Amino acid sequence: MSDAASPPADEAYLRIPEVERRTGLDHSTIYARIKKGTFPLPRMIGERAVAWLQSEVVAWMHAQPVAEGRPGPRSRPRGQKAA
């Protein structure tokens, strides 16, 4: 018998430090994006604890656009001038 609130056996809950580590975003950016509707909502896992479903975070990551155009300022070794 499966509880509707429980994730599937191959699913995992991610707490905020792990979501930050995997996405490269800090917690204030994550919550700002949640407010804007551009990041998955967390799930209540206790009275005062939330976590994200791993699959939803991974899906969000895969849905982000690929960076194109000029490389960033640290794309060349320090001290080397741009051509």
PDB file of N, CA and C in Angstrom:
ATOM      1  N   MET A   1       0.835  -1.162   0.000  1.00  0.00           N
ATOM      2  CA  MET A   1       0.000   0.000   0.000  1.00  0.00           C
ATOM      3  C   MET A   1       0.888   1.235   0.000  1.00  0.00           C
ATOM      4  N   SER A   2       0.577   2.204  -0.859  1.00  0.00           N
ATOM      5  CA  SER A   2       1.407   3.387  -1.018  1.00  0.00           C
ATOM      6  C   SER A   2       0.699   4.618  -0.483  1.00  0.00           C
ATOM      7  N   ASP A   3       1.419   5.416   0.280  1.00  0.00           N
ATOM      8  CA  ASP A   3       0.888   6.667   0.787  1.00  0.00           C
ATOM      9  C   ASP A   3       1.035   7.722  -0.305  1.00  0.00           C
ATOM     10  N   ALA A   4      -0.033   8.454  -0.623  1.00  0.00           N
ATOM     11  CA  ALA A   4      -0.007   9.446  -1.693  1.00  0.00           C
ATOM     12  C   ALA A   4       1.001  10.550  -1.415  1.00  0.00           C
ATOM     13  N   ALA A   5       1.301  10.812  -0.142  1.00  0.00           N
ATOM     14  CA  ALA A   5       2.242  11.871   0.206  1.00  0.00           C
ATOM     15  C   ALA A   5       3.692  11.407   0.124  1.00  0.00           C
ATOM     16  N   SER A   6       3.916  10.102   0.045  1.00  0.00           N
ATOM     17  CA  SER A   6       5.276   9.573   0.002  1.00  0.00           C
ATOM     18  C   SER A   6       5.794   9.545  -1.427  1.00  0.00           C
ATOM     19  N   PRO A   7       7.079   9.899  -1.612  1.00  0.00           N
ATOM     20  CA  PRO A   7       7.648   9.816  -2.960  1.00  0.00           C
ATOM     21  C   PRO A   7       7.878   8.356  -3.339  1.00  0.00           C
ATOM     22  N   PRO A   8       8.008   8.056  -4.639  1.00  0.00           N
ATOM     23  CA  PRO A   8       8.319   6.683  -5.060  1.00  0.00           C
ATOM     24  C   PRO A   8       9.629   6.220  -4.438  1.00  0.00           C
ATOM     25  N   ALA A   9       9.848   4.913  -4.431  1.00  0.00           N
ATOM     26  CA  ALA A   9      11.031   4.334  -3.793  1.00  0.00           C
ATOM     27  C   ALA A   9      12.339   4.869  -4.382  1.00  0.00           C
ATOM     28  N   ASP A  10      12.361   5.184  -5.684  1.00  0.00           N
ATOM     29  CA  ASP A  10      13.592   5.681  -6.304  1.00  0.00           C
ATOM     30  C   ASP A  10      13.714   7.205  -6.232  1.00  0.00           C
ATOM     31  N   GLU A  11      12.817   7.852  -5.519  1.00  0.00           N
ATOM     32  CA  GLU A  11      12.800   9.305  -5.360  1.00  0.00           C
ATOM     33  C   GLU A  11      13.501   9.674  -4.055  1.00  0.00           C
ATOM     34  N   ALA A  12      13.971  10.912  -3.972  1.00  0.00           N
ATOM     35  CA  ALA A  12      14.620  11.383  -2.746  1.00  0.00           C
ATOM     36  C   ALA A  12      14.175  12.805  -2.459  1.00  0.00           C
ATOM     37  N   TYR A  13      14.126  13.139  -1.177  1.00  0.00           N
ATOM     38  CA  TYR A  13      13.892  14.508  -0.759  1.00  0.00           C
ATOM     39  C   TYR A  13      15.245  15.205  -0.655  1.00  0.00           C
ATOM     40  N   LEU A  14      15.290  16.448  -1.106  1.00  0.00           N
ATOM     41  CA  LEU A  14      16.507  17.249  -0.989  1.00  0.00           C
ATOM     42  C   LEU A  14      16.221  18.433  -0.079  1.00  0.00           C
ATOM     43  N   ARG A  15      17.035  18.606   0.945  1.00  0.00           N
ATOM     44  CA  ARG A  15      16.912  19.781   1.814  1.00  0.00           C
ATOM     45  C   ARG A  15      17.632  20.953   1.155  1.00  0.00           C
ATOM     46  N   ILE A  16      17.421  22.156   1.669  1.00  0.00           N
ATOM     47  CA  ILE A  16      17.923  23.365   1.025  1.00  0.00           C
ATOM     48  C   ILE A  16      19.441  23.358   0.773  1.00  0.00           C
ATOM     49  N   PRO A  17      20.289  22.877   1.687  1.00  0.00           N
ATOM     50  CA  PRO A  17      21.731  22.886   1.364  1.00  0.00           C
ATOM     51  C   PRO A  17      22.059  22.048   0.119  1.00  0.00           C
ATOM     52  N   GLU A  18      21.368  20.930  -0.042  1.00  0.00           N
ATOM     53  CA  GLU A  18      21.612  20.075  -1.202  1.00  0.00           C
ATOM     54  C   GLU A  18      21.044  20.710  -2.469  1.00  0.00           C
ATOM     55  N   VAL A  19      19.894  21.372  -2.382  1.00  0.00           N
ATOM     56  CA  VAL A  19      19.326  22.072  -3.533  1.00  0.00           C
ATOM     57  C   VAL A  19      20.278  23.193  -3.959  1.00  0.00           C
ATOM     58  N   GLU A  20      20.816  23.925  -2.986  1.00  0.00           N
ATOM     59  CA  GLU A  20      21.788  24.979  -3.286  1.00  0.00           C
ATOM     60  C   GLU A  20      23.017  24.395  -3.982  1.00  0.00           C
ATOM     61  N   ARG A  21      23.529  23.298  -3.463  1.00  0.00           N
ATOM     62  CA  ARG A  21      24.729  22.671  -4.023  1.00  0.00           C
ATOM     63  C   ARG A  21      24.482  22.212  -5.457  1.00  0.00           C
ATOM     64  N   ARG A  22      23.344  21.580  -5.688  1.00  0.00           N
ATOM     65  CA  ARG A  22      23.068  21.039  -7.018  1.00  0.00           C
ATOM     66  C   ARG A  22      22.756  22.111  -8.056  1.00  0.00           C
ATOM     67  N   THR A  23      22.091  23.183  -7.648  1.00  0.00           N
ATOM     68  CA  THR A  23      21.682  24.208  -8.610  1.00  0.00           C
ATOM     69  C   THR A  23      22.687  25.344  -8.746  1.00  0.00           C
ATOM     70  N   GLY A  24      23.523  25.548  -7.731  1.00  0.00           N
ATOM     71  CA  GLY A  24      24.434  26.680  -7.736  1.00  0.00           C
ATOM     72  C   GLY A  24      23.770  27.977  -7.319  1.00  0.00           C
ATOM     73  N   LEU A  25      22.529  27.908  -6.851  1.00  0.00           N
ATOM     74  CA  LEU A  25      21.785  29.085  -6.397  1.00  0.00           C
ATOM     75  C   LEU A  25      21.823  29.152  -4.881  1.00  0.00           C
ATOM     76  N   ASP A  26      21.792  30.375  -4.324  1.00  0.00           N
ATOM     77  CA  ASP A  26      21.695  30.474  -2.867  1.00  0.00           C
ATOM     78  C   ASP A  26      20.223  30.448  -2.453  1.00  0.00           C
ATOM     79  N   HIS A  27      19.982  30.291  -1.154  1.00  0.00           N
ATOM     80  CA  HIS A  27      18.602  30.088  -0.697  1.00  0.00           C
ATOM     81  C   HIS A  27      17.701  31.277  -1.001  1.00  0.00           C
ATOM     82  N   SER A  28      18.234  32.510  -0.941  1.00  0.00           N
ATOM     83  CA  SER A  28      17.383  33.668  -1.222  1.00  0.00           C
ATOM     84  C   SER A  28      16.959  33.693  -2.691  1.00  0.00           C
ATOM     85  N   THR A  29      17.840  33.273  -3.593  1.00  0.00           N
ATOM     86  CA  THR A  29      17.492  33.202  -5.014  1.00  0.00           C
ATOM     87  C   THR A  29      16.466  32.101  -5.259  1.00  0.00           C
ATOM     88  N   ILE A  30      16.637  30.966  -4.593  1.00  0.00           N
ATOM     89  CA  ILE A  30      15.678  29.866  -4.734  1.00  0.00           C
ATOM     90  C   ILE A  30      14.293  30.330  -4.305  1.00  0.00           C
ATOM     91  N   TYR A  31      14.191  30.962  -3.135  1.00  0.00           N
ATOM     92  CA  TYR A  31      12.882  31.398  -2.650  1.00  0.00           C
ATOM     93  C   TYR A  31      12.306  32.535  -3.491  1.00  0.00           C
ATOM     94  N   ALA A  32      13.153  33.399  -4.045  1.00  0.00           N
ATOM     95  CA  ALA A  32      12.669  34.454  -4.945  1.00  0.00           C
ATOM     96  C   ALA A  32      12.089  33.830  -6.215  1.00  0.00           C
ATOM     97  N   ARG A  33      12.738  32.805  -6.717  1.00  0.00           N
ATOM     98  CA  ARG A  33      12.231  32.128  -7.927  1.00  0.00           C
ATOM     99  C   ARG A  33      10.956  31.350  -7.630  1.00  0.00           C
ATOM    100  N   ILE A  34      10.851  30.789  -6.452  1.00  0.00           N
ATOM    101  CA  ILE A  34       9.606  30.119  -6.066  1.00  0.00           C
ATOM    102  C   ILE A  34       8.474  31.134  -6.075  1.00  0.00           C
ATOM    103  N   LYS A  35       8.733  32.306  -5.502  1.00  0.00           N
ATOM    104  CA  LYS A  35       7.717  33.364  -5.436  1.00  0.00           C
ATOM    105  C   LYS A  35       7.278  33.796  -6.839  1.00  0.00           C
ATOM    106  N   LYS A  36       8.239  33.827  -7.786  1.00  0.00           N
ATOM    107  CA  LYS A  36       7.933  34.201  -9.166  1.00  0.00           C
ATOM    108  C   LYS A  36       7.325  33.040  -9.953  1.00  0.00           C
ATOM    109  N   GLY A  37       7.333  31.845  -9.372  1.00  0.00           N
ATOM    110  CA  GLY A  37       6.784  30.677 -10.061  1.00  0.00           C
ATOM    111  C   GLY A  37       7.748  30.043 -11.043  1.00  0.00           C
ATOM    112  N   THR A  38       9.045  30.303 -10.872  1.00  0.00           N
ATOM    113  CA  THR A  38      10.041  29.761 -11.801  1.00  0.00           C
ATOM    114  C   THR A  38      10.946  28.703 -11.180  1.00  0.00           C
ATOM    115  N   PHE A  39      10.575  28.204 -10.018  1.00  0.00           N
ATOM    116  CA  PHE A  39      11.327  27.137  -9.360  1.00  0.00           C
ATOM    117  C   PHE A  39      10.319  26.227  -8.676  1.00  0.00           C
ATOM    118  N   PRO A  40      10.601  24.915  -8.613  1.00  0.00           N
ATOM    119  CA  PRO A  40       9.644  23.985  -7.996  1.00  0.00           C
ATOM    120  C   PRO A  40       9.337  24.334  -6.536  1.00  0.00           C
ATOM    121  N   LEU A  41       8.116  24.073  -6.142  1.00  0.00           N
ATOM    122  CA  LEU A  41       7.696  24.283  -4.759  1.00  0.00           C
ATOM    123  C   LEU A  41       8.250  23.183  -3.861  1.00  0.00           C
ATOM    124  N   PRO A  42       8.645  23.534  -2.632  1.00  0.00           N
ATOM    125  CA  PRO A  42       9.078  22.497  -1.691  1.00  0.00           C
ATOM    126  C   PRO A  42       7.871  21.761  -1.119  1.00  0.00           C
ATOM    127  N   ARG A  43       8.136  20.621  -0.520  1.00  0.00           N
ATOM    128  CA  ARG A  43       7.114  19.804   0.144  1.00  0.00           C
ATOM    129  C   ARG A  43       7.316  19.883   1.647  1.00  0.00           C
ATOM    130  N   MET A  44       6.224  19.895   2.385  1.00  0.00           N
ATOM    131  CA  MET A  44       6.308  19.836   3.845  1.00  0.00           C
ATOM    132  C   MET A  44       6.676  18.409   4.244  1.00  0.00           C
ATOM    133  N   ILE A  45       7.778  18.266   4.987  1.00  0.00           N
ATOM    134  CA  ILE A  45       8.168  16.924   5.446  1.00  0.00           C
ATOM    135  C   ILE A  45       8.099  16.835   6.963  1.00  0.00           C
ATOM    136  N   GLY A  46       7.686  17.901   7.591  1.00  0.00           N
ATOM    137  CA  GLY A  46       7.525  17.966   9.035  1.00  0.00           C
ATOM    138  C   GLY A  46       6.802  19.260   9.366  1.00  0.00           C
ATOM    139  N   GLU A  47       6.572  19.516  10.625  1.00  0.00           N
ATOM    140  CA  GLU A  47       5.870  20.736  11.024  1.00  0.00           C
ATOM    141  C   GLU A  47       6.593  21.989  10.558  1.00  0.00           C
ATOM    142  N   ARG A  48       7.916  21.973  10.642  1.00  0.00           N
ATOM    143  CA  ARG A  48       8.701  23.159  10.286  1.00  0.00           C
ATOM    144  C   ARG A  48       9.820  22.833   9.312  1.00  0.00           C
ATOM    145  N   ALA A  49       9.662  21.776   8.544  1.00  0.00           N
ATOM    146  CA  ALA A  49      10.716  21.350   7.621  1.00  0.00           C
ATOM    147  C   ALA A  49      10.156  21.141   6.223  1.00  0.00           C
ATOM    148  N   VAL A  50      10.909  21.638   5.240  1.00  0.00           N
ATOM    149  CA  VAL A  50      10.523  21.434   3.844  1.00  0.00           C
ATOM    150  C   VAL A  50      11.681  20.793   3.089  1.00  0.00           C
ATOM    151  N   ALA A  51      11.344  20.181   1.970  1.00  0.00           N
ATOM    152  CA  ALA A  51      12.341  19.583   1.087  1.00  0.00           C
ATOM    153  C   ALA A  51      11.761  19.548  -0.317  1.00  0.00           C
ATOM    154  N   TRP A  52      12.636  19.395  -1.277  1.00  0.00           N
ATOM    155  CA  TRP A  52      12.224  19.331  -2.673  1.00  0.00           C
ATOM    156  C   TRP A  52      12.365  17.904  -3.164  1.00  0.00           C
ATOM    157  N   LEU A  53      11.491  17.515  -4.105  1.00  0.00           N
ATOM    158  CA  LEU A  53      11.656  16.223  -4.742  1.00  0.00           C
ATOM    159  C   LEU A  53      12.829  16.321  -5.707  1.00  0.00           C
ATOM    160  N   GLN A  54      13.731  15.368  -5.595  1.00  0.00           N
ATOM    161  CA  GLN A  54      14.917  15.343  -6.442  1.00  0.00           C
ATOM    162  C   GLN A  54      14.535  15.432  -7.919  1.00  0.00           C
ATOM    163  N   SER A  55      13.527  14.686  -8.333  1.00  0.00           N
ATOM    164  CA  SER A  55      13.142  14.661  -9.746  1.00  0.00           C
ATOM    165  C   SER A  55      12.680  16.023 -10.233  1.00  0.00           C
ATOM    166  N   GLU A  56      12.012  16.793  -9.373  1.00  0.00           N
ATOM    167  CA  GLU A  56      11.548  18.124  -9.776  1.00  0.00           C
ATOM    168  C   GLU A  56      12.711  19.100  -9.907  1.00  0.00           C
ATOM    169  N   VAL A  57      13.703  18.997  -9.016  1.00  0.00           N
ATOM    170  CA  VAL A  57      14.883  19.855  -9.103  1.00  0.00           C
ATOM    171  C   VAL A  57      15.681  19.508 -10.361  1.00  0.00           C
ATOM    172  N   VAL A  58      15.864  18.226 -10.616  1.00  0.00           N
ATOM    173  CA  VAL A  58      16.602  17.786 -11.804  1.00  0.00           C
ATOM    174  C   VAL A  58      15.875  18.231 -13.073  1.00  0.00           C
ATOM    175  N   ALA A  59      14.548  18.088 -13.107  1.00  0.00           N
ATOM    176  CA  ALA A  59      13.776  18.523 -14.274  1.00  0.00           C
ATOM    177  C   ALA A  59      13.925  20.027 -14.492  1.00  0.00           C
ATOM    178  N   TRP A  60      13.904  20.801 -13.403  1.00  0.00           N
ATOM    179  CA  TRP A  60      14.089  22.248 -13.502  1.00  0.00           C
ATOM    180  C   TRP A  60      15.460  22.548 -14.093  1.00  0.00           C
ATOM    181  N   MET A  61      16.493  21.851 -13.608  1.00  0.00           N
ATOM    182  CA  MET A  61      17.853  22.077 -14.095  1.00  0.00           C
ATOM    183  C   MET A  61      17.942  21.796 -15.603  1.00  0.00           C
ATOM    184  N   HIS A  62      17.325  20.701 -16.051  1.00  0.00           N
ATOM    185  CA  HIS A  62      17.377  20.338 -17.465  1.00  0.00           C
ATOM    186  C   HIS A  62      16.576  21.304 -18.326  1.00  0.00           C
ATOM    187  N   ALA A  63      15.613  21.991 -17.747  1.00  0.00           N
ATOM    188  CA  ALA A  63      14.771  22.929 -18.492  1.00  0.00           C
ATOM    189  C   ALA A  63      15.420  24.300 -18.674  1.00  0.00           C
ATOM    190  N   GLN A  64      16.543  24.542 -17.998  1.00  0.00           N
ATOM    191  CA  GLN A  64      17.200  25.844 -18.108  1.00  0.00           C
ATOM    192  C   GLN A  64      17.891  25.965 -19.456  1.00  0.00           C
ATOM    193  N   PRO A  65      17.877  27.177 -20.052  1.00  0.00           N
ATOM    194  CA  PRO A  65      18.497  27.348 -21.368  1.00  0.00           C
ATOM    195  C   PRO A  65      20.006  27.181 -21.316  1.00  0.00           C
ATOM    196  N   VAL A  66      20.556  26.751 -22.410  1.00  0.00           N
ATOM    197  CA  VAL A  66      21.998  26.587 -22.546  1.00  0.00           C
ATOM    198  C   VAL A  66      22.607  27.965 -22.764  1.00  0.00           C
ATOM    199  N   ALA A  67      23.691  28.250 -22.066  1.00  0.00           N
ATOM    200  CA  ALA A  67      24.370  29.541 -22.227  1.00  0.00           C
ATOM    201  C   ALA A  67      25.028  29.595 -23.602  1.00  0.00           C
ATOM    202  N   GLU A  68      24.805  30.691 -24.294  1.00  0.00           N
ATOM    203  CA  GLU A  68      25.397  30.880 -25.617  1.00  0.00           C
ATOM    204  C   GLU A  68      26.078  32.237 -25.666  1.00  0.00           C
ATOM    205  N   GLY A  69      26.818  32.478 -26.722  1.00  0.00           N
ATOM    206  CA  GLY A  69      27.449  33.777 -26.901  1.00  0.00           C
ATOM    207  C   GLY A  69      28.854  33.810 -26.371  1.00  0.00           C
ATOM    208  N   ARG A  70      29.269  35.005 -25.979  1.00  0.00           N
ATOM    209  CA  ARG A  70      30.625  35.220 -25.482  1.00  0.00           C
ATOM    210  C   ARG A  70      30.891  34.449 -24.209  1.00  0.00           C
ATOM    211  N   PRO A  71      32.103  33.925 -24.075  1.00  0.00           N
ATOM    212  CA  PRO A  71      32.456  33.299 -22.790  1.00  0.00           C
ATOM    213  C   PRO A  71      32.567  34.368 -21.710  1.00  0.00           C
ATOM    214  N   GLY A  72      32.443  33.960 -20.485  1.00  0.00           N
ATOM    215  CA  GLY A  72      32.521  34.877 -19.354  1.00  0.00           C
ATOM    216  C   GLY A  72      33.907  35.451 -19.163  1.00  0.00           C
ATOM    217  N   PRO A  73      34.060  36.381 -18.228  1.00  0.00           N
ATOM    218  CA  PRO A  73      35.340  37.067 -18.027  1.00  0.00           C
ATOM    219  C   PRO A  73      36.448  36.159 -17.520  1.00  0.00           C
ATOM    220  N   ARG A  74      36.143  35.062 -16.901  1.00  0.00           N
ATOM    221  CA  ARG A  74      37.170  34.154 -16.369  1.00  0.00           C
ATOM    222  C   ARG A  74      37.403  32.968 -17.300  1.00  0.00           C
ATOM    223  N   SER A  75      37.081  33.116 -18.589  1.00  0.00           N
ATOM    224  CA  SER A  75      37.238  31.990 -19.508  1.00  0.00           C
ATOM    225  C   SER A  75      38.672  31.825 -19.986  1.00  0.00           C
ATOM    226  N   ARG A  76      39.523  32.843 -19.773  1.00  0.00           N
ATOM    227  CA  ARG A  76      40.926  32.728 -20.173  1.00  0.00           C
ATOM    228  C   ARG A  76      41.798  32.809 -18.918  1.00  0.00           C
ATOM    229  N   PRO A  77      42.984  32.269 -18.982  1.00  0.00           N
ATOM    230  CA  PRO A  77      43.869  32.306 -17.801  1.00  0.00           C
ATOM    231  C   PRO A  77      44.147  33.748 -17.367  1.00  0.00           C
ATOM    232  N   ARG A  78      44.303  33.931 -16.083  1.00  0.00           N
ATOM    233  CA  ARG A  78      44.601  35.262 -15.555  1.00  0.00           C
ATOM    234  C   ARG A  78      45.891  35.785 -16.161  1.00  0.00           C
ATOM    235  N   GLY A  79      45.904  37.082 -16.426  1.00  0.00           N
ATOM    236  CA  GLY A  79      47.085  37.700 -16.980  1.00  0.00           C
ATOM    237  C   GLY A  79      47.144  37.660 -18.489  1.00  0.00           C
ATOM    238  N   GLN A  80      46.338  36.832 -19.117  1.00  0.00           N
ATOM    239  CA  GLN A  80      46.333  36.731 -20.570  1.00  0.00           C
ATOM    240  C   GLN A  80      45.314  37.732 -21.114  1.00  0.00           C
ATOM    241  N   LYS A  81      45.749  38.577 -22.027  1.00  0.00           N
ATOM    242  CA  LYS A  81      44.866  39.604 -22.590  1.00  0.00           C
ATOM    243  C   LYS A  81      44.005  39.024 -23.690  1.00  0.00           C
ATOM    244  N   ALA A  82      42.842  39.619 -23.853  1.00  0.00           N
ATOM    245  CA  ALA A  82      41.946  39.214 -24.932  1.00  0.00           C
ATOM    246  C   ALA A  82      42.535  39.646 -26.263  1.00  0.00           C
ATOM    247  N   ALA A  83      42.296  38.873 -27.281  1.00  0.00           N
ATOM    248  CA  ALA A  83      42.819  39.185 -28.625  1.00  0.00           C
ATOM    249  C   ALA A  83      42.066  40.328 -29.252  1.00  0.00           C
TER     250      ALA A  83
END
